[in-house]
Amino acid sequence: MTATHTAPLGFPENLFALMRRVGNLMAKGILAVAIIFMAGLIAVATAAAGIALAAFALILRLSGSKDQESQTHYEEHAENGAVTLEARKTPRGWTVE
């Protein structure tokens, strides 16, 4: 009588399969960490750019020109002198007070 047996799971095949699976898992883990790191880096860079733009806009707003044109006042009096309009020039245009 001849006995047929399947080949036992050999050492090299199991070890190489395990190493291949571990390598694939490590590669996926490294890729996931790299993606998360780059997303965080992009978020920080975007926030820094936004803060820099806001600071620049604030500096421009606070250091507005003080020339004569921006300080020009316009007054109009009615014929009977009852109505007085005072207008001043602002960065958005004329404001009547």
PDB file of N, CA and C in Angstrom:
ATOM      1  N   MET A   1       0.824  -1.137   0.000  1.00  0.00           N
ATOM      2  CA  MET A   1       0.000   0.000   0.000  1.00  0.00           C
ATOM      3  C   MET A   1       0.892   1.230   0.000  1.00  0.00           C
ATOM      4  N   THR A   2       0.526   2.129  -0.863  1.00  0.00           N
ATOM      5  CA  THR A   2       1.300   3.353  -0.992  1.00  0.00           C
ATOM      6  C   THR A   2       0.528   4.476  -0.309  1.00  0.00           C
ATOM      7  N   ALA A   3       1.205   5.148   0.524  1.00  0.00           N
ATOM      8  CA  ALA A   3       0.566   6.269   1.231  1.00  0.00           C
ATOM      9  C   ALA A   3       0.884   7.558   0.492  1.00  0.00           C
ATOM     10  N   THR A   4      -0.123   8.304   0.250  1.00  0.00           N
ATOM     11  CA  THR A   4       0.092   9.618  -0.354  1.00  0.00           C
ATOM     12  C   THR A   4      -0.114  10.674   0.727  1.00  0.00           C
ATOM     13  N   HIS A   5       0.822  11.497   0.790  1.00  0.00           N
ATOM     14  CA  HIS A   5       0.764  12.592   1.759  1.00  0.00           C
ATOM     15  C   HIS A   5       0.994  13.910   1.026  1.00  0.00           C
ATOM     16  N   THR A   6       0.373  14.909   1.532  1.00  0.00           N
ATOM     17  CA  THR A   6       0.684  16.222   0.987  1.00  0.00           C
ATOM     18  C   THR A   6       1.965  16.685   1.654  1.00  0.00           C
ATOM     19  N   ALA A   7       2.667  17.494   0.945  1.00  0.00           N
ATOM     20  CA  ALA A   7       3.930  17.971   1.494  1.00  0.00           C
ATOM     21  C   ALA A   7       3.635  18.866   2.695  1.00  0.00           C
ATOM     22  N   PRO A   8       4.366  18.658   3.745  1.00  0.00           N
ATOM     23  CA  PRO A   8       4.148  19.507   4.920  1.00  0.00           C
ATOM     24  C   PRO A   8       4.535  20.950   4.582  1.00  0.00           C
ATOM     25  N   LEU A   9       3.912  21.841   5.280  1.00  0.00           N
ATOM     26  CA  LEU A   9       4.258  23.235   5.057  1.00  0.00           C
ATOM     27  C   LEU A   9       5.712  23.403   5.452  1.00  0.00           C
ATOM     28  N   GLY A  10       6.508  23.681   4.461  1.00  0.00           N
ATOM     29  CA  GLY A  10       7.939  23.717   4.693  1.00  0.00           C
ATOM     30  C   GLY A  10       8.390  25.035   5.292  1.00  0.00           C
ATOM     31  N   PHE A  11       9.553  25.007   5.832  1.00  0.00           N
ATOM     32  CA  PHE A  11      10.126  26.169   6.496  1.00  0.00           C
ATOM     33  C   PHE A  11      10.337  27.338   5.544  1.00  0.00           C
ATOM     34  N   PRO A  12      10.979  27.145   4.412  1.00  0.00           N
ATOM     35  CA  PRO A  12      11.253  28.321   3.575  1.00  0.00           C
ATOM     36  C   PRO A  12       9.983  28.975   3.043  1.00  0.00           C
ATOM     37  N   GLU A  13       9.004  28.181   2.627  1.00  0.00           N
ATOM     38  CA  GLU A  13       7.796  28.765   2.064  1.00  0.00           C
ATOM     39  C   GLU A  13       7.054  29.590   3.098  1.00  0.00           C
ATOM     40  N   ASN A  14       6.925  29.076   4.307  1.00  0.00           N
ATOM     41  CA  ASN A  14       6.225  29.811   5.351  1.00  0.00           C
ATOM     42  C   ASN A  14       6.971  31.076   5.739  1.00  0.00           C
ATOM     43  N   LEU A  15       8.262  30.977   5.868  1.00  0.00           N
ATOM     44  CA  LEU A  15       9.044  32.136   6.288  1.00  0.00           C
ATOM     45  C   LEU A  15       8.983  33.235   5.237  1.00  0.00           C
ATOM     46  N   PHE A  16       9.129  32.863   3.979  1.00  0.00           N
ATOM     47  CA  PHE A  16       9.093  33.875   2.915  1.00  0.00           C
ATOM     48  C   PHE A  16       7.706  34.496   2.776  1.00  0.00           C
ATOM     49  N   ALA A  17       6.657  33.687   2.936  1.00  0.00           N
ATOM     50  CA  ALA A  17       5.294  34.218   2.879  1.00  0.00           C
ATOM     51  C   ALA A  17       5.064  35.182   4.045  1.00  0.00           C
ATOM     52  N   LEU A  18       5.534  34.810   5.210  1.00  0.00           N
ATOM     53  CA  LEU A  18       5.391  35.682   6.375  1.00  0.00           C
ATOM     54  C   LEU A  18       6.166  36.977   6.177  1.00  0.00           C
ATOM     55  N   MET A  19       7.383  36.867   5.659  1.00  0.00           N
ATOM     56  CA  MET A  19       8.186  38.074   5.420  1.00  0.00           C
ATOM     57  C   MET A  19       7.523  38.965   4.373  1.00  0.00           C
ATOM     58  N   ARG A  20       6.929  38.364   3.350  1.00  0.00           N
ATOM     59  CA  ARG A  20       6.257  39.139   2.315  1.00  0.00           C
ATOM     60  C   ARG A  20       5.044  39.864   2.900  1.00  0.00           C
ATOM     61  N   ARG A  21       4.269  39.182   3.731  1.00  0.00           N
ATOM     62  CA  ARG A  21       3.097  39.812   4.350  1.00  0.00           C
ATOM     63  C   ARG A  21       3.506  40.926   5.308  1.00  0.00           C
ATOM     64  N   VAL A  22       4.526  40.685   6.091  1.00  0.00           N
ATOM     65  CA  VAL A  22       5.008  41.720   7.020  1.00  0.00           C
ATOM     66  C   VAL A  22       5.544  42.918   6.236  1.00  0.00           C
ATOM     67  N   GLY A  23       6.266  42.642   5.155  1.00  0.00           N
ATOM     68  CA  GLY A  23       6.776  43.725   4.312  1.00  0.00           C
ATOM     69  C   GLY A  23       5.652  44.547   3.698  1.00  0.00           C
ATOM     70  N   ASN A  24       4.613  43.875   3.208  1.00  0.00           N
ATOM     71  CA  ASN A  24       3.467  44.597   2.656  1.00  0.00           C
ATOM     72  C   ASN A  24       2.769  45.432   3.718  1.00  0.00           C
ATOM     73  N   LEU A  25       2.608  44.880   4.896  1.00  0.00           N
ATOM     74  CA  LEU A  25       1.964  45.606   5.988  1.00  0.00           C
ATOM     75  C   LEU A  25       2.804  46.817   6.402  1.00  0.00           C
ATOM     76  N   MET A  26       4.112  46.642   6.474  1.00  0.00           N
ATOM     77  CA  MET A  26       4.981  47.763   6.837  1.00  0.00           C
ATOM     78  C   MET A  26       4.955  48.842   5.757  1.00  0.00           C
ATOM     79  N   ALA A  27       4.938  48.449   4.497  1.00  0.00           N
ATOM     80  CA  ALA A  27       4.882  49.428   3.414  1.00  0.00           C
ATOM     81  C   ALA A  27       3.581  50.224   3.475  1.00  0.00           C
ATOM     82  N   LYS A  28       2.456  49.559   3.735  1.00  0.00           N
ATOM     83  CA  LYS A  28       1.182  50.264   3.861  1.00  0.00           C
ATOM     84  C   LYS A  28       1.188  51.199   5.067  1.00  0.00           C
ATOM     85  N   GLY A  29       1.781  50.759   6.163  1.00  0.00           N
ATOM     86  CA  GLY A  29       1.866  51.604   7.354  1.00  0.00           C
ATOM     87  C   GLY A  29       2.722  52.841   7.113  1.00  0.00           C
ATOM     88  N   ILE A  30       3.847  52.654   6.453  1.00  0.00           N
ATOM     89  CA  ILE A  30       4.730  53.792   6.156  1.00  0.00           C
ATOM     90  C   ILE A  30       4.028  54.760   5.206  1.00  0.00           C
ATOM     91  N   LEU A  31       3.315  54.244   4.222  1.00  0.00           N
ATOM     92  CA  LEU A  31       2.575  55.098   3.298  1.00  0.00           C
ATOM     93  C   LEU A  31       1.483  55.879   4.025  1.00  0.00           C
ATOM     94  N   ALA A  32       0.782  55.224   4.945  1.00  0.00           N
ATOM     95  CA  ALA A  32      -0.271  55.906   5.705  1.00  0.00           C
ATOM     96  C   ALA A  32       0.323  57.011   6.575  1.00  0.00           C
ATOM     97  N   VAL A  33       1.432  56.731   7.233  1.00  0.00           N
ATOM     98  CA  VAL A  33       2.081  57.750   8.065  1.00  0.00           C
ATOM     99  C   VAL A  33       2.569  58.908   7.203  1.00  0.00           C
ATOM    100  N   ALA A  34       3.108  58.629   6.031  1.00  0.00           N
ATOM    101  CA  ALA A  34       3.578  59.687   5.140  1.00  0.00           C
ATOM    102  C   ALA A  34       2.423  60.569   4.666  1.00  0.00           C
ATOM    103  N   ILE A  35       1.286  59.959   4.346  1.00  0.00           N
ATOM    104  CA  ILE A  35       0.120  60.732   3.907  1.00  0.00           C
ATOM    105  C   ILE A  35      -0.385  61.624   5.029  1.00  0.00           C
ATOM    106  N   ILE A  36      -0.475  61.090   6.241  1.00  0.00           N
ATOM    107  CA  ILE A  36      -0.935  61.881   7.388  1.00  0.00           C
ATOM    108  C   ILE A  36       0.044  63.011   7.673  1.00  0.00           C
ATOM    109  N   PHE A  37       1.330  62.739   7.600  1.00  0.00           N
ATOM    110  CA  PHE A  37       2.340  63.767   7.847  1.00  0.00           C
ATOM    111  C   PHE A  37       2.234  64.891   6.817  1.00  0.00           C
ATOM    112  N   MET A  38       2.087  64.540   5.543  1.00  0.00           N
ATOM    113  CA  MET A  38       1.988  65.559   4.501  1.00  0.00           C
ATOM    114  C   MET A  38       0.702  66.373   4.645  1.00  0.00           C
ATOM    115  N   ALA A  39      -0.400  65.736   5.027  1.00  0.00           N
ATOM    116  CA  ALA A  39      -1.650  66.476   5.232  1.00  0.00           C
ATOM    117  C   ALA A  39      -1.488  67.472   6.377  1.00  0.00           C
ATOM    118  N   GLY A  40      -0.841  67.048   7.452  1.00  0.00           N
ATOM    119  CA  GLY A  40      -0.588  67.957   8.572  1.00  0.00           C
ATOM    120  C   GLY A  40       0.333  69.096   8.176  1.00  0.00           C
ATOM    121  N   LEU A  41       1.351  68.783   7.399  1.00  0.00           N
ATOM    122  CA  LEU A  41       2.290  69.816   6.942  1.00  0.00           C
ATOM    123  C   LEU A  41       1.587  70.839   6.050  1.00  0.00           C
ATOM    124  N   ILE A  42       0.724  70.375   5.172  1.00  0.00           N
ATOM    125  CA  ILE A  42      -0.025  71.284   4.305  1.00  0.00           C
ATOM    126  C   ILE A  42      -0.978  72.139   5.133  1.00  0.00           C
ATOM    127  N   ALA A  43      -1.613  71.563   6.141  1.00  0.00           N
ATOM    128  CA  ALA A  43      -2.528  72.326   6.993  1.00  0.00           C
ATOM    129  C   ALA A  43      -1.780  73.409   7.764  1.00  0.00           C
ATOM    130  N   VAL A  44      -0.625  73.080   8.294  1.00  0.00           N
ATOM    131  CA  VAL A  44       0.163  74.071   9.037  1.00  0.00           C
ATOM    132  C   VAL A  44       0.657  75.171   8.106  1.00  0.00           C
ATOM    133  N   ALA A  45       1.107  74.814   6.915  1.00  0.00           N
ATOM    134  CA  ALA A  45       1.577  75.816   5.956  1.00  0.00           C
ATOM    135  C   ALA A  45       0.444  76.742   5.525  1.00  0.00           C
ATOM    136  N   THR A  46      -0.740  76.188   5.323  1.00  0.00           N
ATOM    137  CA  THR A  46      -1.894  77.005   4.950  1.00  0.00           C
ATOM    138  C   THR A  46      -2.273  77.957   6.074  1.00  0.00           C
ATOM    139  N   ALA A  47      -2.253  77.466   7.303  1.00  0.00           N
ATOM    140  CA  ALA A  47      -2.572  78.324   8.448  1.00  0.00           C
ATOM    141  C   ALA A  47      -1.535  79.439   8.596  1.00  0.00           C
ATOM    142  N   ALA A  48      -0.274  79.110   8.418  1.00  0.00           N
ATOM    143  CA  ALA A  48       0.780  80.124   8.524  1.00  0.00           C
ATOM    144  C   ALA A  48       0.629  81.174   7.432  1.00  0.00           C
ATOM    145  N   ALA A  49       0.295  80.755   6.227  1.00  0.00           N
ATOM    146  CA  ALA A  49       0.091  81.715   5.138  1.00  0.00           C
ATOM    147  C   ALA A  49      -1.111  82.611   5.426  1.00  0.00           C
ATOM    148  N   GLY A  50      -2.171  82.051   5.974  1.00  0.00           N
ATOM    149  CA  GLY A  50      -3.345  82.842   6.322  1.00  0.00           C
ATOM    150  C   GLY A  50      -3.043  83.866   7.408  1.00  0.00           C
ATOM    151  N   ILE A  51      -2.284  83.465   8.413  1.00  0.00           N
ATOM    152  CA  ILE A  51      -1.912  84.386   9.483  1.00  0.00           C
ATOM    153  C   ILE A  51      -1.010  85.485   8.939  1.00  0.00           C
ATOM    154  N   ALA A  52      -0.086  85.125   8.056  1.00  0.00           N
ATOM    155  CA  ALA A  52       0.800  86.132   7.465  1.00  0.00           C
ATOM    156  C   ALA A  52       0.006  87.133   6.627  1.00  0.00           C
ATOM    157  N   LEU A  53      -0.949  86.654   5.837  1.00  0.00           N
ATOM    158  CA  LEU A  53      -1.777  87.558   5.038  1.00  0.00           C
ATOM    159  C   LEU A  53      -2.624  88.468   5.928  1.00  0.00           C
ATOM    160  N   ALA A  54      -3.181  87.911   6.990  1.00  0.00           N
ATOM    161  CA  ALA A  54      -3.984  88.726   7.902  1.00  0.00           C
ATOM    162  C   ALA A  54      -3.128  89.789   8.585  1.00  0.00           C
ATOM    163  N   ALA A  55      -1.922  89.418   8.999  1.00  0.00           N
ATOM    164  CA  ALA A  55      -1.029  90.385   9.629  1.00  0.00           C
ATOM    165  C   ALA A  55      -0.633  91.483   8.650  1.00  0.00           C
ATOM    166  N   PHE A  56      -0.357  91.116   7.418  1.00  0.00           N
ATOM    167  CA  PHE A  56       0.003  92.103   6.400  1.00  0.00           C
ATOM    168  C   PHE A  56      -1.164  93.050   6.128  1.00  0.00           C
ATOM    169  N   ALA A  57      -2.384  92.501   6.047  1.00  0.00           N
ATOM    170  CA  ALA A  57      -3.559  93.344   5.824  1.00  0.00           C
ATOM    171  C   ALA A  57      -3.777  94.293   7.002  1.00  0.00           C
ATOM    172  N   LEU A  58      -3.548  93.817   8.220  1.00  0.00           N
ATOM    173  CA  LEU A  58      -3.695  94.664   9.406  1.00  0.00           C
ATOM    174  C   LEU A  58      -2.652  95.770   9.413  1.00  0.00           C
ATOM    175  N   ILE A  59      -1.438  95.442   9.037  1.00  0.00           N
ATOM    176  CA  ILE A  59      -0.378  96.460   8.970  1.00  0.00           C
ATOM    177  C   ILE A  59      -0.731  97.516   7.933  1.00  0.00           C
ATOM    178  N   LEU A  60      -1.211  97.073   6.771  1.00  0.00           N
ATOM    179  CA  LEU A  60      -1.608  98.034   5.744  1.00  0.00           C
ATOM    180  C   LEU A  60      -2.770  98.902   6.214  1.00  0.00           C
ATOM    181  N   ARG A  61      -3.695  98.319   6.919  1.00  0.00           N
ATOM    182  CA  ARG A  61      -4.860  99.069   7.403  1.00  0.00           C
ATOM    183  C   ARG A  61      -4.447 100.104   8.444  1.00  0.00           C
ATOM    184  N   LEU A  62      -3.567  99.712   9.348  1.00  0.00           N
ATOM    185  CA  LEU A  62      -3.167 100.619  10.418  1.00  0.00           C
ATOM    186  C   LEU A  62      -2.182 101.682   9.957  1.00  0.00           C
ATOM    187  N   SER A  63      -1.448 101.408   8.912  1.00  0.00           N
ATOM    188  CA  SER A  63      -0.467 102.381   8.435  1.00  0.00           C
ATOM    189  C   SER A  63      -0.977 103.100   7.188  1.00  0.00           C
ATOM    190  N   GLY A  64      -2.282 103.381   7.161  1.00  0.00           N
ATOM    191  CA  GLY A  64      -2.878 104.065   6.021  1.00  0.00           C
ATOM    192  C   GLY A  64      -2.269 105.441   5.835  1.00  0.00           C
ATOM    193  N   SER A  65      -2.343 105.941   4.615  1.00  0.00           N
ATOM    194  CA  SER A  65      -1.718 107.223   4.306  1.00  0.00           C
ATOM    195  C   SER A  65      -2.453 108.355   5.029  1.00  0.00           C
ATOM    196  N   LYS A  66      -1.704 109.351   5.432  1.00  0.00           N
ATOM    197  CA  LYS A  66      -2.250 110.508   6.140  1.00  0.00           C
ATOM    198  C   LYS A  66      -2.119 111.761   5.277  1.00  0.00           C
ATOM    199  N   ASP A  67      -2.214 111.603   3.972  1.00  0.00           N
ATOM    200  CA  ASP A  67      -2.060 112.755   3.090  1.00  0.00           C
ATOM    201  C   ASP A  67      -3.305 113.638   3.127  1.00  0.00           C
ATOM    202  N   GLN A  68      -3.244 114.758   2.440  1.00  0.00           N
ATOM    203  CA  GLN A  68      -4.315 115.741   2.465  1.00  0.00           C
ATOM    204  C   GLN A  68      -5.605 115.188   1.867  1.00  0.00           C
ATOM    205  N   GLU A  69      -5.485 114.371   0.852  1.00  0.00           N
ATOM    206  CA  GLU A  69      -6.690 113.885   0.181  1.00  0.00           C
ATOM    207  C   GLU A  69      -7.550 113.044   1.117  1.00  0.00           C
ATOM    208  N   SER A  70      -6.911 112.248   1.977  1.00  0.00           N
ATOM    209  CA  SER A  70      -7.697 111.411   2.873  1.00  0.00           C
ATOM    210  C   SER A  70      -8.294 112.226   4.008  1.00  0.00           C
ATOM    211  N   GLN A  71      -7.795 113.424   4.278  1.00  0.00           N
ATOM    212  CA  GLN A  71      -8.297 114.273   5.345  1.00  0.00           C
ATOM    213  C   GLN A  71      -9.236 115.357   4.827  1.00  0.00           C
ATOM    214  N   THR A  72      -9.571 115.298   3.555  1.00  0.00           N
ATOM    215  CA  THR A  72     -10.426 116.325   2.966  1.00  0.00           C
ATOM    216  C   THR A  72     -11.831 116.231   3.544  1.00  0.00           C
ATOM    217  N   HIS A  73     -12.375 117.369   3.943  1.00  0.00           N
ATOM    218  CA  HIS A  73     -13.751 117.431   4.435  1.00  0.00           C
ATOM    219  C   HIS A  73     -14.554 118.275   3.468  1.00  0.00           C
ATOM    220  N   TYR A  74     -15.775 117.887   3.284  1.00  0.00           N
ATOM    221  CA  TYR A  74     -16.664 118.623   2.390  1.00  0.00           C
ATOM    222  C   TYR A  74     -17.889 119.025   3.193  1.00  0.00           C
ATOM    223  N   GLU A  75     -18.200 120.281   3.192  1.00  0.00           N
ATOM    224  CA  GLU A  75     -19.360 120.771   3.926  1.00  0.00           C
ATOM    225  C   GLU A  75     -20.270 121.519   2.973  1.00  0.00           C
ATOM    226  N   GLU A  76     -21.544 121.316   3.162  1.00  0.00           N
ATOM    227  CA  GLU A  76     -22.521 122.019   2.341  1.00  0.00           C
ATOM    228  C   GLU A  76     -23.564 122.627   3.266  1.00  0.00           C
ATOM    229  N   HIS A  77     -23.877 123.874   3.043  1.00  0.00           N
ATOM    230  CA  HIS A  77     -24.870 124.560   3.853  1.00  0.00           C
ATOM    231  C   HIS A  77     -26.058 124.903   2.977  1.00  0.00           C
ATOM    232  N   ALA A  78     -27.219 124.742   3.525  1.00  0.00           N
ATOM    233  CA  ALA A  78     -28.429 125.124   2.792  1.00  0.00           C
ATOM    234  C   ALA A  78     -28.514 126.639   2.738  1.00  0.00           C
ATOM    235  N   GLU A  79     -29.385 127.166   1.868  1.00  0.00           N
ATOM    236  CA  GLU A  79     -29.509 128.615   1.709  1.00  0.00           C
ATOM    237  C   GLU A  79     -29.955 129.292   2.994  1.00  0.00           C
ATOM    238  N   ASN A  80     -30.834 128.615   3.728  1.00  0.00           N
ATOM    239  CA  ASN A  80     -31.292 129.226   4.970  1.00  0.00           C
ATOM    240  C   ASN A  80     -30.378 128.877   6.148  1.00  0.00           C
ATOM    241  N   GLY A  81     -29.384 128.062   5.928  1.00  0.00           N
ATOM    242  CA  GLY A  81     -28.417 127.718   6.954  1.00  0.00           C
ATOM    243  C   GLY A  81     -28.879 126.645   7.922  1.00  0.00           C
ATOM    244  N   ALA A  82     -30.013 126.003   7.669  1.00  0.00           N
ATOM    245  CA  ALA A  82     -30.556 125.032   8.607  1.00  0.00           C
ATOM    246  C   ALA A  82     -29.933 123.647   8.453  1.00  0.00           C
ATOM    247  N   VAL A  83     -29.530 123.277   7.257  1.00  0.00           N
ATOM    248  CA  VAL A  83     -29.027 121.923   7.013  1.00  0.00           C
ATOM    249  C   VAL A  83     -27.527 121.998   6.767  1.00  0.00           C
ATOM    250  N   THR A  84     -26.787 121.183   7.493  1.00  0.00           N
ATOM    251  CA  THR A  84     -25.345 121.109   7.306  1.00  0.00           C
ATOM    252  C   THR A  84     -24.973 119.646   7.096  1.00  0.00           C
ATOM    253  N   LEU A  85     -24.319 119.364   6.013  1.00  0.00           N
ATOM    254  CA  LEU A  85     -23.827 118.019   5.750  1.00  0.00           C
ATOM    255  C   LEU A  85     -22.313 118.041   5.870  1.00  0.00           C
ATOM    256  N   GLU A  86     -21.792 117.093   6.586  1.00  0.00           N
ATOM    257  CA  GLU A  86     -20.346 116.950   6.688  1.00  0.00           C
ATOM    258  C   GLU A  86     -19.982 115.588   6.120  1.00  0.00           C
ATOM    259  N   ALA A  87     -19.078 115.597   5.205  1.00  0.00           N
ATOM    260  CA  ALA A  87     -18.653 114.345   4.584  1.00  0.00           C
ATOM    261  C   ALA A  87     -17.140 114.241   4.696  1.00  0.00           C
ATOM    262  N   ARG A  88     -16.689 113.055   4.897  1.00  0.00           N
ATOM    263  CA  ARG A  88     -15.242 112.830   4.934  1.00  0.00           C
ATOM    264  C   ARG A  88     -14.927 111.627   4.058  1.00  0.00           C
ATOM    265  N   LYS A  89     -13.752 111.659   3.492  1.00  0.00           N
ATOM    266  CA  LYS A  89     -13.346 110.590   2.588  1.00  0.00           C
ATOM    267  C   LYS A  89     -12.752 109.447   3.403  1.00  0.00           C
ATOM    268  N   THR A  90     -13.228 108.245   3.139  1.00  0.00           N
ATOM    269  CA  THR A  90     -12.715 107.031   3.788  1.00  0.00           C
ATOM    270  C   THR A  90     -12.180 106.116   2.701  1.00  0.00           C
ATOM    271  N   PRO A  91     -11.503 105.041   3.077  1.00  0.00           N
ATOM    272  CA  PRO A  91     -11.012 104.104   2.053  1.00  0.00           C
ATOM    273  C   PRO A  91     -12.132 103.500   1.211  1.00  0.00           C
ATOM    274  N   ARG A  92     -13.341 103.459   1.746  1.00  0.00           N
ATOM    275  CA  ARG A  92     -14.467 102.882   1.010  1.00  0.00           C
ATOM    276  C   ARG A  92     -15.246 103.928   0.224  1.00  0.00           C
ATOM    277  N   GLY A  93     -14.868 105.170   0.347  1.00  0.00           N
ATOM    278  CA  GLY A  93     -15.576 106.238  -0.352  1.00  0.00           C
ATOM    279  C   GLY A  93     -15.917 107.355   0.624  1.00  0.00           C
ATOM    280  N   TRP A  94     -16.880 108.156   0.262  1.00  0.00           N
ATOM    281  CA  TRP A  94     -17.277 109.281   1.105  1.00  0.00           C
ATOM    282  C   TRP A  94     -18.294 108.819   2.137  1.00  0.00           C
ATOM    283  N   THR A  95     -18.158 109.342   3.370  1.00  0.00           N
ATOM    284  CA  THR A  95     -19.088 109.068   4.438  1.00  0.00           C
ATOM    285  C   THR A  95     -19.714 110.390   4.866  1.00  0.00           C
ATOM    286  N   VAL A  96     -21.017 110.412   4.924  1.00  0.00           N
ATOM    287  CA  VAL A  96     -21.727 111.624   5.325  1.00  0.00           C
ATOM    288  C   VAL A  96     -22.148 111.457   6.776  1.00  0.00           C
ATOM    289  N   GLU A  97     -21.836 112.444   7.564  1.00  0.00           N
ATOM    290  CA  GLU A  97     -22.185 112.415   8.986  1.00  0.00           C
ATOM    291  C   GLU A  97     -23.172 113.498   9.306  1.00  0.00           C
TER     292      GLU A  97
END
